[in-house]
PDB file of all heavy atoms in Angstrom:
ATOM      1  N   THR A   1       0.805  -1.223   0.000  1.00  0.00           N
ATOM      2  CA  THR A   1       0.000   0.000   0.000  1.00  0.00           C
ATOM      3  C   THR A   1       0.836   1.271   0.000  1.00  0.00           C
ATOM      4  O   THR A   1       0.383   2.299  -0.504  1.00  0.00           O
ATOM      5  CB  THR A   1      -0.942   0.015   1.217  1.00  0.00           C
ATOM      6  OG1 THR A   1      -0.172  -0.098   2.421  1.00  0.00           O
ATOM      7  CG2 THR A   1      -1.935  -1.147   1.143  1.00  0.00           C
ATOM      8  N   GLU A   2       2.035   1.237   0.575  1.00  0.00           N
ATOM      9  CA  GLU A   2       2.893   2.415   0.588  1.00  0.00           C
ATOM     10  C   GLU A   2       3.577   2.585  -0.768  1.00  0.00           C
ATOM     11  O   GLU A   2       3.793   1.621  -1.506  1.00  0.00           O
ATOM     12  CB  GLU A   2       3.947   2.293   1.685  1.00  0.00           C
ATOM     13  CG  GLU A   2       3.375   2.184   3.087  1.00  0.00           C
ATOM     14  CD  GLU A   2       2.643   3.433   3.529  1.00  0.00           C
ATOM     15  OE1 GLU A   2       3.063   4.538   3.108  1.00  0.00           O
ATOM     16  OE2 GLU A   2       1.652   3.313   4.277  1.00  0.00           O
ATOM     17  N   LYS A   3       3.940   3.821  -1.075  1.00  0.00           N
ATOM     18  CA  LYS A   3       4.563   4.103  -2.371  1.00  0.00           C
ATOM     19  C   LYS A   3       5.824   3.271  -2.581  1.00  0.00           C
ATOM     20  O   LYS A   3       5.999   2.653  -3.647  1.00  0.00           O
ATOM     21  CB  LYS A   3       4.888   5.591  -2.468  1.00  0.00           C
ATOM     22  CG  LYS A   3       5.627   5.981  -3.754  1.00  0.00           C
ATOM     23  CD  LYS A   3       5.972   7.462  -3.750  1.00  0.00           C
ATOM     24  CE  LYS A   3       6.799   7.837  -4.958  1.00  0.00           C
ATOM     25  NZ  LYS A   3       7.143   9.285  -4.970  1.00  0.00           N
ATOM     26  N   TRP A   4       6.704   3.226  -1.579  1.00  0.00           N
ATOM     27  CA  TRP A   4       7.961   2.502  -1.749  1.00  0.00           C
ATOM     28  C   TRP A   4       7.714   1.014  -1.936  1.00  0.00           C
ATOM     29  O   TRP A   4       8.427   0.349  -2.702  1.00  0.00           O
ATOM     30  CB  TRP A   4       8.896   2.750  -0.567  1.00  0.00           C
ATOM     31  CG  TRP A   4       8.455   2.123   0.739  1.00  0.00           C
ATOM     32  CD1 TRP A   4       7.678   2.693   1.695  1.00  0.00           C
ATOM     33  CD2 TRP A   4       8.764   0.801   1.194  1.00  0.00           C
ATOM     34  NE1 TRP A   4       7.470   1.819   2.734  1.00  0.00           N
ATOM     35  CE2 TRP A   4       8.128   0.645   2.461  1.00  0.00           C
ATOM     36  CE3 TRP A   4       9.493  -0.259   0.679  1.00  0.00           C
ATOM     37  CZ2 TRP A   4       8.220  -0.538   3.193  1.00  0.00           C
ATOM     38  CZ3 TRP A   4       9.585  -1.440   1.412  1.00  0.00           C
ATOM     39  CH2 TRP A   4       8.954  -1.566   2.653  1.00  0.00           C
ATOM     40  N   GLU A   5       6.682   0.473  -1.281  1.00  0.00           N
ATOM     41  CA  GLU A   5       6.358  -0.947  -1.441  1.00  0.00           C
ATOM     42  C   GLU A   5       5.849  -1.231  -2.850  1.00  0.00           C
ATOM     43  O   GLU A   5       6.213  -2.236  -3.473  1.00  0.00           O
ATOM     44  CB  GLU A   5       5.280  -1.353  -0.441  1.00  0.00           C
ATOM     45  CG  GLU A   5       5.688  -1.305   1.009  1.00  0.00           C
ATOM     46  CD  GLU A   5       4.532  -1.641   1.924  1.00  0.00           C
ATOM     47  OE1 GLU A   5       3.444  -1.040   1.778  1.00  0.00           O
ATOM     48  OE2 GLU A   5       4.708  -2.524   2.783  1.00  0.00           O
ATOM     49  N   LEU A   6       4.995  -0.344  -3.348  1.00  0.00           N
ATOM     50  CA  LEU A   6       4.436  -0.531  -4.684  1.00  0.00           C
ATOM     51  C   LEU A   6       5.529  -0.428  -5.743  1.00  0.00           C
ATOM     52  O   LEU A   6       5.571  -1.223  -6.693  1.00  0.00           O
ATOM     53  CB  LEU A   6       3.341   0.503  -4.932  1.00  0.00           C
ATOM     54  CG  LEU A   6       2.061   0.311  -4.116  1.00  0.00           C
ATOM     55  CD1 LEU A   6       1.221   1.584  -4.129  1.00  0.00           C
ATOM     56  CD2 LEU A   6       1.249  -0.866  -4.633  1.00  0.00           C
ATOM     57  N   GLU A   7       6.430   0.550  -5.598  1.00  0.00           N
ATOM     58  CA  GLU A   7       7.516   0.689  -6.564  1.00  0.00           C
ATOM     59  C   GLU A   7       8.427  -0.524  -6.535  1.00  0.00           C
ATOM     60  O   GLU A   7       8.836  -1.045  -7.585  1.00  0.00           O
ATOM     61  CB  GLU A   7       8.311   1.959  -6.267  1.00  0.00           C
ATOM     62  CG  GLU A   7       7.564   3.241  -6.570  1.00  0.00           C
ATOM     63  CD  GLU A   7       8.382   4.484  -6.314  1.00  0.00           C
ATOM     64  OE1 GLU A   7       9.380   4.396  -5.564  1.00  0.00           O
ATOM     65  OE2 GLU A   7       8.030   5.547  -6.858  1.00  0.00           O
ATOM     66  N   GLN A   8       8.758  -0.979  -5.347  1.00  0.00           N
ATOM     67  CA  GLN A   8       9.636  -2.139  -5.205  1.00  0.00           C
ATOM     68  C   GLN A   8       8.996  -3.384  -5.806  1.00  0.00           C
ATOM     69  O   GLN A   8       9.653  -4.160  -6.519  1.00  0.00           O
ATOM     70  CB  GLN A   8       9.955  -2.353  -3.723  1.00  0.00           C
ATOM     71  CG  GLN A   8      10.959  -3.457  -3.441  1.00  0.00           C
ATOM     72  CD  GLN A   8      11.185  -3.623  -1.951  1.00  0.00           C
ATOM     73  OE1 GLN A   8      10.331  -4.134  -1.227  1.00  0.00           O
ATOM     74  NE2 GLN A   8      12.341  -3.160  -1.484  1.00  0.00           N
ATOM     75  N   TYR A   9       7.707  -3.571  -5.540  1.00  0.00           N
ATOM     76  CA  TYR A   9       7.048  -4.780  -6.034  1.00  0.00           C
ATOM     77  C   TYR A   9       6.843  -4.723  -7.548  1.00  0.00           C
ATOM     78  O   TYR A   9       7.012  -5.733  -8.243  1.00  0.00           O
ATOM     79  CB  TYR A   9       5.707  -4.974  -5.326  1.00  0.00           C
ATOM     80  CG  TYR A   9       5.166  -6.379  -5.477  1.00  0.00           C
ATOM     81  CD1 TYR A   9       5.950  -7.489  -5.181  1.00  0.00           C
ATOM     82  CD2 TYR A   9       3.872  -6.602  -5.918  1.00  0.00           C
ATOM     83  CE1 TYR A   9       5.469  -8.778  -5.314  1.00  0.00           C
ATOM     84  CE2 TYR A   9       3.376  -7.891  -6.054  1.00  0.00           C
ATOM     85  CZ  TYR A   9       4.176  -8.970  -5.750  1.00  0.00           C
ATOM     86  OH  TYR A   9       3.690 -10.246  -5.892  1.00  0.00           O
ATOM     87  N   LEU A  10       6.526  -3.550  -8.068  1.00  0.00           N
ATOM     88  CA  LEU A  10       6.379  -3.416  -9.509  1.00  0.00           C
ATOM     89  C   LEU A  10       7.700  -3.698 -10.214  1.00  0.00           C
ATOM     90  O   LEU A  10       7.730  -4.346 -11.270  1.00  0.00           O
ATOM     91  CB  LEU A  10       5.872  -2.015  -9.849  1.00  0.00           C
ATOM     92  CG  LEU A  10       5.588  -1.711 -11.322  1.00  0.00           C
ATOM     93  CD1 LEU A  10       4.619  -2.714 -11.924  1.00  0.00           C
ATOM     94  CD2 LEU A  10       5.075  -0.289 -11.485  1.00  0.00           C
ATOM     95  N   THR A  11       8.785  -3.230  -9.646  1.00  0.00           N
ATOM     96  CA  THR A  11      10.103  -3.527 -10.209  1.00  0.00           C
ATOM     97  C   THR A  11      10.385  -5.021 -10.175  1.00  0.00           C
ATOM     98  O   THR A  11      10.885  -5.602 -11.151  1.00  0.00           O
ATOM     99  CB  THR A  11      11.195  -2.773  -9.424  1.00  0.00           C
ATOM    100  OG1 THR A  11      10.963  -1.370  -9.529  1.00  0.00           O
ATOM    101  CG2 THR A  11      12.582  -3.102  -9.961  1.00  0.00           C
ATOM    102  N   GLU A  12      10.046  -5.668  -9.078  1.00  0.00           N
ATOM    103  CA  GLU A  12      10.288  -7.106  -8.950  1.00  0.00           C
ATOM    104  C   GLU A  12       9.539  -7.904 -10.003  1.00  0.00           C
ATOM    105  O   GLU A  12      10.122  -8.740 -10.699  1.00  0.00           O
ATOM    106  CB  GLU A  12       9.881  -7.580  -7.548  1.00  0.00           C
ATOM    107  CG  GLU A  12      10.025  -9.077  -7.334  1.00  0.00           C
ATOM    108  CD  GLU A  12       9.536  -9.521  -5.970  1.00  0.00           C
ATOM    109  OE1 GLU A  12       9.679  -8.745  -5.000  1.00  0.00           O
ATOM    110  OE2 GLU A  12       8.993 -10.639  -5.864  1.00  0.00           O
ATOM    111  N   VAL A  13       8.237  -7.668 -10.129  1.00  0.00           N
ATOM    112  CA  VAL A  13       7.446  -8.510 -11.026  1.00  0.00           C
ATOM    113  C   VAL A  13       7.674  -8.176 -12.491  1.00  0.00           C
ATOM    114  O   VAL A  13       7.496  -9.048 -13.358  1.00  0.00           O
ATOM    115  CB  VAL A  13       5.941  -8.440 -10.690  1.00  0.00           C
ATOM    116  CG1 VAL A  13       5.681  -8.936  -9.278  1.00  0.00           C
ATOM    117  CG2 VAL A  13       5.372  -7.036 -10.890  1.00  0.00           C
ATOM    118  N   SER A  14       8.077  -6.936 -12.797  1.00  0.00           N
ATOM    119  CA  SER A  14       8.267  -6.566 -14.197  1.00  0.00           C
ATOM    120  C   SER A  14       9.670  -6.857 -14.697  1.00  0.00           C
ATOM    121  O   SER A  14       9.855  -7.117 -15.898  1.00  0.00           O
ATOM    122  CB  SER A  14       7.945  -5.085 -14.407  1.00  0.00           C
ATOM    123  OG  SER A  14       8.849  -4.256 -13.693  1.00  0.00           O
ATOM    124  N   GLN A  15      10.661  -6.847 -13.812  1.00  0.00           N
ATOM    125  CA  GLN A  15      12.042  -7.001 -14.256  1.00  0.00           C
ATOM    126  C   GLN A  15      12.702  -8.280 -13.762  1.00  0.00           C
ATOM    127  O   GLN A  15      13.423  -8.937 -14.512  1.00  0.00           O
ATOM    128  CB  GLN A  15      12.861  -5.792 -13.793  1.00  0.00           C
ATOM    129  CG  GLN A  15      12.385  -4.472 -14.375  1.00  0.00           C
ATOM    130  CD  GLN A  15      13.224  -3.294 -13.903  1.00  0.00           C
ATOM    131  OE1 GLN A  15      14.342  -3.455 -13.428  1.00  0.00           O
ATOM    132  NE2 GLN A  15      12.683  -2.100 -14.025  1.00  0.00           N
ATOM    133  N   GLN A  16      12.465  -8.645 -12.514  1.00  0.00           N
ATOM    134  CA  GLN A  16      13.228  -9.735 -11.920  1.00  0.00           C
ATOM    135  C   GLN A  16      12.604 -11.105 -12.151  1.00  0.00           C
ATOM    136  O   GLN A  16      13.316 -12.078 -12.409  1.00  0.00           O
ATOM    137  CB  GLN A  16      13.406  -9.476 -10.424  1.00  0.00           C
ATOM    138  CG  GLN A  16      14.155  -8.193 -10.117  1.00  0.00           C
ATOM    139  CD  GLN A  16      14.066  -7.779  -8.658  1.00  0.00           C
ATOM    140  OE1 GLN A  16      13.705  -8.563  -7.794  1.00  0.00           O
ATOM    141  NE2 GLN A  16      14.368  -6.520  -8.373  1.00  0.00           N
ATOM    142  N   THR A  17      11.302 -11.211 -12.056  1.00  0.00           N
ATOM    143  CA  THR A  17      10.661 -12.533 -12.137  1.00  0.00           C
ATOM    144  C   THR A  17       9.797 -12.711 -13.376  1.00  0.00           C
ATOM    145  O   THR A  17       9.218 -13.780 -13.567  1.00  0.00           O
ATOM    146  CB  THR A  17       9.789 -12.786 -10.890  1.00  0.00           C
ATOM    147  OG1 THR A  17       8.756 -11.785 -10.815  1.00  0.00           O
ATOM    148  CG2 THR A  17      10.626 -12.729  -9.624  1.00  0.00           C
ATOM    149  N   SER A  18       9.711 -11.696 -14.234  1.00  0.00           N
ATOM    150  CA  SER A  18       8.791 -11.771 -15.377  1.00  0.00           C
ATOM    151  C   SER A  18       9.070 -12.892 -16.366  1.00  0.00           C
ATOM    152  O   SER A  18       8.137 -13.332 -17.047  1.00  0.00           O
ATOM    153  CB  SER A  18       8.765 -10.431 -16.111  1.00  0.00           C
ATOM    154  OG  SER A  18      10.053 -10.056 -16.548  1.00  0.00           O
ATOM    155  N   PRO A  19      10.300 -13.418 -16.510  1.00  0.00           N
ATOM    156  CA  PRO A  19      10.474 -14.526 -17.453  1.00  0.00           C
ATOM    157  C   PRO A  19       9.728 -15.801 -17.066  1.00  0.00           C
ATOM    158  O   PRO A  19       9.523 -16.666 -17.917  1.00  0.00           O
ATOM    159  CB  PRO A  19      11.994 -14.761 -17.444  1.00  0.00           C
ATOM    160  CG  PRO A  19      12.583 -13.452 -17.037  1.00  0.00           C
ATOM    161  CD  PRO A  19      11.610 -12.903 -16.031  1.00  0.00           C
ATOM    162  N   PHE A  20       9.326 -15.929 -15.794  1.00  0.00           N
ATOM    163  CA  PHE A  20       8.672 -17.178 -15.406  1.00  0.00           C
ATOM    164  C   PHE A  20       7.455 -16.993 -14.501  1.00  0.00           C
ATOM    165  O   PHE A  20       6.684 -17.938 -14.315  1.00  0.00           O
ATOM    166  CB  PHE A  20       9.678 -18.096 -14.681  1.00  0.00           C
ATOM    167  CG  PHE A  20      10.298 -17.490 -13.450  1.00  0.00           C
ATOM    168  CD1 PHE A  20       9.682 -17.585 -12.219  1.00  0.00           C
ATOM    169  CD2 PHE A  20      11.517 -16.825 -13.525  1.00  0.00           C
ATOM    170  CE1 PHE A  20      10.247 -17.019 -11.091  1.00  0.00           C
ATOM    171  CE2 PHE A  20      12.100 -16.259 -12.408  1.00  0.00           C
ATOM    172  CZ  PHE A  20      11.459 -16.358 -11.173  1.00  0.00           C
ATOM    173  N   TYR A  21       7.250 -15.803 -13.938  1.00  0.00           N
ATOM    174  CA  TYR A  21       6.173 -15.602 -12.966  1.00  0.00           C
ATOM    175  C   TYR A  21       5.267 -14.480 -13.444  1.00  0.00           C
ATOM    176  O   TYR A  21       5.709 -13.350 -13.622  1.00  0.00           O
ATOM    177  CB  TYR A  21       6.767 -15.252 -11.599  1.00  0.00           C
ATOM    178  CG  TYR A  21       5.747 -14.944 -10.520  1.00  0.00           C
ATOM    179  CD1 TYR A  21       4.972 -15.955  -9.964  1.00  0.00           C
ATOM    180  CD2 TYR A  21       5.568 -13.643 -10.058  1.00  0.00           C
ATOM    181  CE1 TYR A  21       4.035 -15.668  -8.975  1.00  0.00           C
ATOM    182  CE2 TYR A  21       4.644 -13.354  -9.068  1.00  0.00           C
ATOM    183  CZ  TYR A  21       3.880 -14.374  -8.532  1.00  0.00           C
ATOM    184  OH  TYR A  21       2.954 -14.094  -7.562  1.00  0.00           O
ATOM    185  N   ARG A  22       3.990 -14.822 -13.688  1.00  0.00           N
ATOM    186  CA  ARG A  22       3.016 -13.830 -14.118  1.00  0.00           C
ATOM    187  C   ARG A  22       2.051 -13.585 -12.963  1.00  0.00           C
ATOM    188  O   ARG A  22       1.220 -14.430 -12.650  1.00  0.00           O
ATOM    189  CB  ARG A  22       2.254 -14.308 -15.339  1.00  0.00           C
ATOM    190  CG  ARG A  22       3.117 -14.674 -16.549  1.00  0.00           C
ATOM    191  CD  ARG A  22       2.211 -14.979 -17.735  1.00  0.00           C
ATOM    192  NE  ARG A  22       2.942 -15.482 -18.885  1.00  0.00           N
ATOM    193  CZ  ARG A  22       2.894 -16.745 -19.303  1.00  0.00           C
ATOM    194  NH1 ARG A  22       2.160 -17.636 -18.651  1.00  0.00           N
ATOM    195  NH2 ARG A  22       3.560 -17.122 -20.366  1.00  0.00           N
ATOM    196  N   PRO A  23       2.111 -12.422 -12.330  1.00  0.00           N
ATOM    197  CA  PRO A  23       1.252 -12.169 -11.172  1.00  0.00           C
ATOM    198  C   PRO A  23      -0.156 -11.765 -11.594  1.00  0.00           C
ATOM    199  O   PRO A  23      -0.351 -11.109 -12.618  1.00  0.00           O
ATOM    200  CB  PRO A  23       1.962 -11.006 -10.478  1.00  0.00           C
ATOM    201  CG  PRO A  23       2.596 -10.251 -11.609  1.00  0.00           C
ATOM    202  CD  PRO A  23       3.028 -11.297 -12.615  1.00  0.00           C
ATOM    203  N   ASN A  24      -1.128 -12.169 -10.804  1.00  0.00           N
ATOM    204  CA  ASN A  24      -2.499 -11.696 -10.976  1.00  0.00           C
ATOM    205  C   ASN A  24      -2.813 -10.826  -9.764  1.00  0.00           C
ATOM    206  O   ASN A  24      -2.816 -11.301  -8.628  1.00  0.00           O
ATOM    207  CB  ASN A  24      -3.472 -12.872 -11.079  1.00  0.00           C
ATOM    208  CG  ASN A  24      -4.829 -12.446 -11.611  1.00  0.00           C
ATOM    209  OD1 ASN A  24      -5.348 -11.401 -11.239  1.00  0.00           O
ATOM    210  ND2 ASN A  24      -5.416 -13.273 -12.464  1.00  0.00           N
ATOM    211  N   PHE A  25      -3.054  -9.549 -10.009  1.00  0.00           N
ATOM    212  CA  PHE A  25      -3.266  -8.593  -8.918  1.00  0.00           C
ATOM    213  C   PHE A  25      -4.750  -8.570  -8.526  1.00  0.00           C
ATOM    214  O   PHE A  25      -5.519  -7.760  -9.038  1.00  0.00           O
ATOM    215  CB  PHE A  25      -2.809  -7.190  -9.342  1.00  0.00           C
ATOM    216  CG  PHE A  25      -1.326  -6.947  -9.227  1.00  0.00           C
ATOM    217  CD1 PHE A  25      -0.426  -7.990  -9.201  1.00  0.00           C
ATOM    218  CD2 PHE A  25      -0.825  -5.651  -9.159  1.00  0.00           C
ATOM    219  CE1 PHE A  25       0.940  -7.759  -9.102  1.00  0.00           C
ATOM    220  CE2 PHE A  25       0.538  -5.410  -9.059  1.00  0.00           C
ATOM    221  CZ  PHE A  25       1.425  -6.464  -9.034  1.00  0.00           C
ATOM    222  N   PHE A  26      -5.141  -9.461  -7.625  1.00  0.00           N
ATOM    223  CA  PHE A  26      -6.489  -9.418  -7.073  1.00  0.00           C
ATOM    224  C   PHE A  26      -6.546  -8.339  -5.995  1.00  0.00           C
ATOM    225  O   PHE A  26      -5.665  -8.241  -5.140  1.00  0.00           O
ATOM    226  CB  PHE A  26      -6.871 -10.771  -6.480  1.00  0.00           C
ATOM    227  CG  PHE A  26      -7.661 -11.644  -7.418  1.00  0.00           C
ATOM    228  CD1 PHE A  26      -7.038 -12.319  -8.448  1.00  0.00           C
ATOM    229  CD2 PHE A  26      -9.027 -11.770  -7.276  1.00  0.00           C
ATOM    230  CE1 PHE A  26      -7.760 -13.114  -9.320  1.00  0.00           C
ATOM    231  CE2 PHE A  26      -9.763 -12.564  -8.140  1.00  0.00           C
ATOM    232  CZ  PHE A  26      -9.135 -13.244  -9.165  1.00  0.00           C
ATOM    233  N   THR A  27      -7.609  -7.544  -6.021  1.00  0.00           N
ATOM    234  CA  THR A  27      -7.778  -6.493  -5.020  1.00  0.00           C
ATOM    235  C   THR A  27      -8.241  -7.052  -3.681  1.00  0.00           C
ATOM    236  O   THR A  27      -7.966  -6.474  -2.624  1.00  0.00           O
ATOM    237  CB  THR A  27      -8.806  -5.468  -5.497  1.00  0.00           C
ATOM    238  OG1 THR A  27     -10.051  -6.145  -5.758  1.00  0.00           O
ATOM    239  CG2 THR A  27      -8.337  -4.770  -6.764  1.00  0.00           C
ATOM    240  N   ASN A  28      -8.985  -8.143  -3.730  1.00  0.00           N
ATOM    241  CA  ASN A  28      -9.537  -8.787  -2.528  1.00  0.00           C
ATOM    242  C   ASN A  28      -9.926 -10.207  -2.910  1.00  0.00           C
ATOM    243  O   ASN A  28      -9.973 -10.555  -4.113  1.00  0.00           O
ATOM    244  CB  ASN A  28     -10.760  -8.024  -2.005  1.00  0.00           C
ATOM    245  CG  ASN A  28     -11.931  -8.060  -2.982  1.00  0.00           C
ATOM    246  OD1 ASN A  28     -11.751  -8.034  -4.206  1.00  0.00           O
ATOM    247  ND2 ASN A  28     -13.149  -8.122  -2.458  1.00  0.00           N
ATOM    248  N   THR A  29     -10.186 -11.048  -1.930  1.00  0.00           N
ATOM    249  CA  THR A  29     -10.678 -12.403  -2.157  1.00  0.00           C
ATOM    250  C   THR A  29     -11.673 -12.721  -1.047  1.00  0.00           C
ATOM    251  O   THR A  29     -11.761 -11.984  -0.057  1.00  0.00           O
ATOM    252  CB  THR A  29      -9.538 -13.446  -2.129  1.00  0.00           C
ATOM    253  OG1 THR A  29      -9.149 -13.694  -0.767  1.00  0.00           O
ATOM    254  CG2 THR A  29      -8.324 -12.997  -2.936  1.00  0.00           C
ATOM    255  N   PRO A  30     -12.426 -13.818  -1.144  1.00  0.00           N
ATOM    256  CA  PRO A  30     -13.295 -14.188  -0.021  1.00  0.00           C
ATOM    257  C   PRO A  30     -12.535 -14.395   1.281  1.00  0.00           C
ATOM    258  O   PRO A  30     -13.110 -14.277   2.367  1.00  0.00           O
ATOM    259  CB  PRO A  30     -13.947 -15.493  -0.507  1.00  0.00           C
ATOM    260  CG  PRO A  30     -13.902 -15.402  -1.989  1.00  0.00           C
ATOM    261  CD  PRO A  30     -12.615 -14.702  -2.308  1.00  0.00           C
ATOM    262  N   ASP A  31     -11.234 -14.689   1.177  1.00  0.00           N
ATOM    263  CA  ASP A  31     -10.407 -14.904   2.366  1.00  0.00           C
ATOM    264  C   ASP A  31      -9.759 -13.628   2.881  1.00  0.00           C
ATOM    265  O   ASP A  31      -9.299 -13.591   4.022  1.00  0.00           O
ATOM    266  CB  ASP A  31      -9.290 -15.910   2.059  1.00  0.00           C
ATOM    267  CG  ASP A  31      -9.828 -17.286   1.757  1.00  0.00           C
ATOM    268  OD1 ASP A  31     -10.489 -17.867   2.628  1.00  0.00           O
ATOM    269  OD2 ASP A  31      -9.580 -17.779   0.635  1.00  0.00           O
ATOM    270  N   ILE A  32      -9.660 -12.596   2.036  1.00  0.00           N
ATOM    271  CA  ILE A  32      -8.856 -11.422   2.390  1.00  0.00           C
ATOM    272  C   ILE A  32      -9.679 -10.151   2.233  1.00  0.00           C
ATOM    273  O   ILE A  32     -10.026  -9.748   1.114  1.00  0.00           O
ATOM    274  CB  ILE A  32      -7.588 -11.334   1.529  1.00  0.00           C
ATOM    275  CG1 ILE A  32      -6.756 -12.610   1.651  1.00  0.00           C
ATOM    276  CG2 ILE A  32      -6.753 -10.122   1.934  1.00  0.00           C
ATOM    277  CD1 ILE A  32      -5.592 -12.665   0.694  1.00  0.00           C
ATOM    278  N   ASN A  33      -9.973  -9.525   3.351  1.00  0.00           N
ATOM    279  CA  ASN A  33     -10.585  -8.199   3.399  1.00  0.00           C
ATOM    280  C   ASN A  33      -9.484  -7.235   3.820  1.00  0.00           C
ATOM    281  O   ASN A  33      -9.183  -7.088   5.003  1.00  0.00           O
ATOM    282  CB  ASN A  33     -11.740  -8.182   4.404  1.00  0.00           C
ATOM    283  CG  ASN A  33     -12.428  -6.841   4.507  1.00  0.00           C
ATOM    284  OD1 ASN A  33     -12.146  -5.926   3.747  1.00  0.00           O
ATOM    285  ND2 ASN A  33     -13.331  -6.713   5.471  1.00  0.00           N
ATOM    286  N   PRO A  34      -8.840  -6.558   2.869  1.00  0.00           N
ATOM    287  CA  PRO A  34      -7.623  -5.803   3.183  1.00  0.00           C
ATOM    288  C   PRO A  34      -7.867  -4.706   4.215  1.00  0.00           C
ATOM    289  O   PRO A  34      -8.882  -4.013   4.192  1.00  0.00           O
ATOM    290  CB  PRO A  34      -7.226  -5.209   1.828  1.00  0.00           C
ATOM    291  CG  PRO A  34      -7.888  -6.080   0.812  1.00  0.00           C
ATOM    292  CD  PRO A  34      -9.166  -6.505   1.437  1.00  0.00           C
ATOM    293  N   LEU A  35      -6.908  -4.531   5.107  1.00  0.00           N
ATOM    294  CA  LEU A  35      -7.005  -3.494   6.129  1.00  0.00           C
ATOM    295  C   LEU A  35      -7.177  -2.116   5.503  1.00  0.00           C
ATOM    296  O   LEU A  35      -7.887  -1.257   6.041  1.00  0.00           O
ATOM    297  CB  LEU A  35      -5.758  -3.519   7.014  1.00  0.00           C
ATOM    298  CG  LEU A  35      -5.553  -4.777   7.869  1.00  0.00           C
ATOM    299  CD1 LEU A  35      -4.209  -4.708   8.581  1.00  0.00           C
ATOM    300  CD2 LEU A  35      -6.688  -4.939   8.868  1.00  0.00           C
ATOM    301  N   TYR A  36      -6.526  -1.888   4.369  1.00  0.00           N
ATOM    302  CA  TYR A  36      -6.584  -0.587   3.698  1.00  0.00           C
ATOM    303  C   TYR A  36      -8.015  -0.196   3.359  1.00  0.00           C
ATOM    304  O   TYR A  36      -8.339   0.989   3.275  1.00  0.00           O
ATOM    305  CB  TYR A  36      -5.739  -0.658   2.422  1.00  0.00           C
ATOM    306  CG  TYR A  36      -5.612   0.634   1.648  1.00  0.00           C
ATOM    307  CD1 TYR A  36      -4.598   1.535   1.932  1.00  0.00           C
ATOM    308  CD2 TYR A  36      -6.501   0.944   0.613  1.00  0.00           C
ATOM    309  CE1 TYR A  36      -4.467   2.717   1.205  1.00  0.00           C
ATOM    310  CE2 TYR A  36      -6.386   2.119  -0.112  1.00  0.00           C
ATOM    311  CZ  TYR A  36      -5.363   3.004   0.188  1.00  0.00           C
ATOM    312  OH  TYR A  36      -5.240   4.172  -0.525  1.00  0.00           O
ATOM    313  N   LEU A  37      -8.903  -1.186   3.169  1.00  0.00           N
ATOM    314  CA  LEU A  37     -10.262  -0.908   2.707  1.00  0.00           C
ATOM    315  C   LEU A  37     -11.310  -0.992   3.804  1.00  0.00           C
ATOM    316  O   LEU A  37     -12.495  -0.748   3.552  1.00  0.00           O
ATOM    317  CB  LEU A  37     -10.637  -1.900   1.591  1.00  0.00           C
ATOM    318  CG  LEU A  37      -9.724  -1.902   0.360  1.00  0.00           C
ATOM    319  CD1 LEU A  37     -10.158  -3.002  -0.602  1.00  0.00           C
ATOM    320  CD2 LEU A  37      -9.752  -0.544  -0.335  1.00  0.00           C
ATOM    321  N   GLN A  38     -10.901  -1.308   5.019  1.00  0.00           N
ATOM    322  CA  GLN A  38     -11.898  -1.624   6.046  1.00  0.00           C
ATOM    323  C   GLN A  38     -12.630  -0.403   6.596  1.00  0.00           C
ATOM    324  O   GLN A  38     -13.596  -0.561   7.343  1.00  0.00           O
ATOM    325  CB  GLN A  38     -11.245  -2.428   7.168  1.00  0.00           C
ATOM    326  CG  GLN A  38     -10.915  -3.848   6.747  1.00  0.00           C
ATOM    327  CD  GLN A  38     -10.371  -4.707   7.873  1.00  0.00           C
ATOM    328  OE1 GLN A  38     -10.393  -4.316   9.046  1.00  0.00           O
ATOM    329  NE2 GLN A  38      -9.874  -5.891   7.524  1.00  0.00           N
ATOM    330  N   ASP A  39     -12.225   0.815   6.207  1.00  0.00           N
ATOM    331  CA  ASP A  39     -13.006   1.985   6.609  1.00  0.00           C
ATOM    332  C   ASP A  39     -14.134   2.271   5.619  1.00  0.00           C
ATOM    333  O   ASP A  39     -14.972   3.141   5.855  1.00  0.00           O
ATOM    334  CB  ASP A  39     -12.123   3.214   6.773  1.00  0.00           C
ATOM    335  CG  ASP A  39     -11.447   3.637   5.476  1.00  0.00           C
ATOM    336  OD1 ASP A  39     -11.628   2.954   4.446  1.00  0.00           O
ATOM    337  OD2 ASP A  39     -10.721   4.656   5.485  1.00  0.00           O
ATOM    338  N   GLY A  40     -14.138   1.543   4.492  1.00  0.00           N
ATOM    339  CA  GLY A  40     -15.226   1.682   3.539  1.00  0.00           C
ATOM    340  C   GLY A  40     -15.172   2.897   2.652  1.00  0.00           C
ATOM    341  O   GLY A  40     -16.119   3.162   1.894  1.00  0.00           O
TER     342      GLY A  40
END
């Protein structure tokens, strides 16, 4: 959720692991109600 985390993770998935790992960015799942969204 923080800017530095998003930049770091975007760099990882686009440059470091992209030859073999394709991420699917789900915003939420039935198992995960993110803390960032719990204020509605």
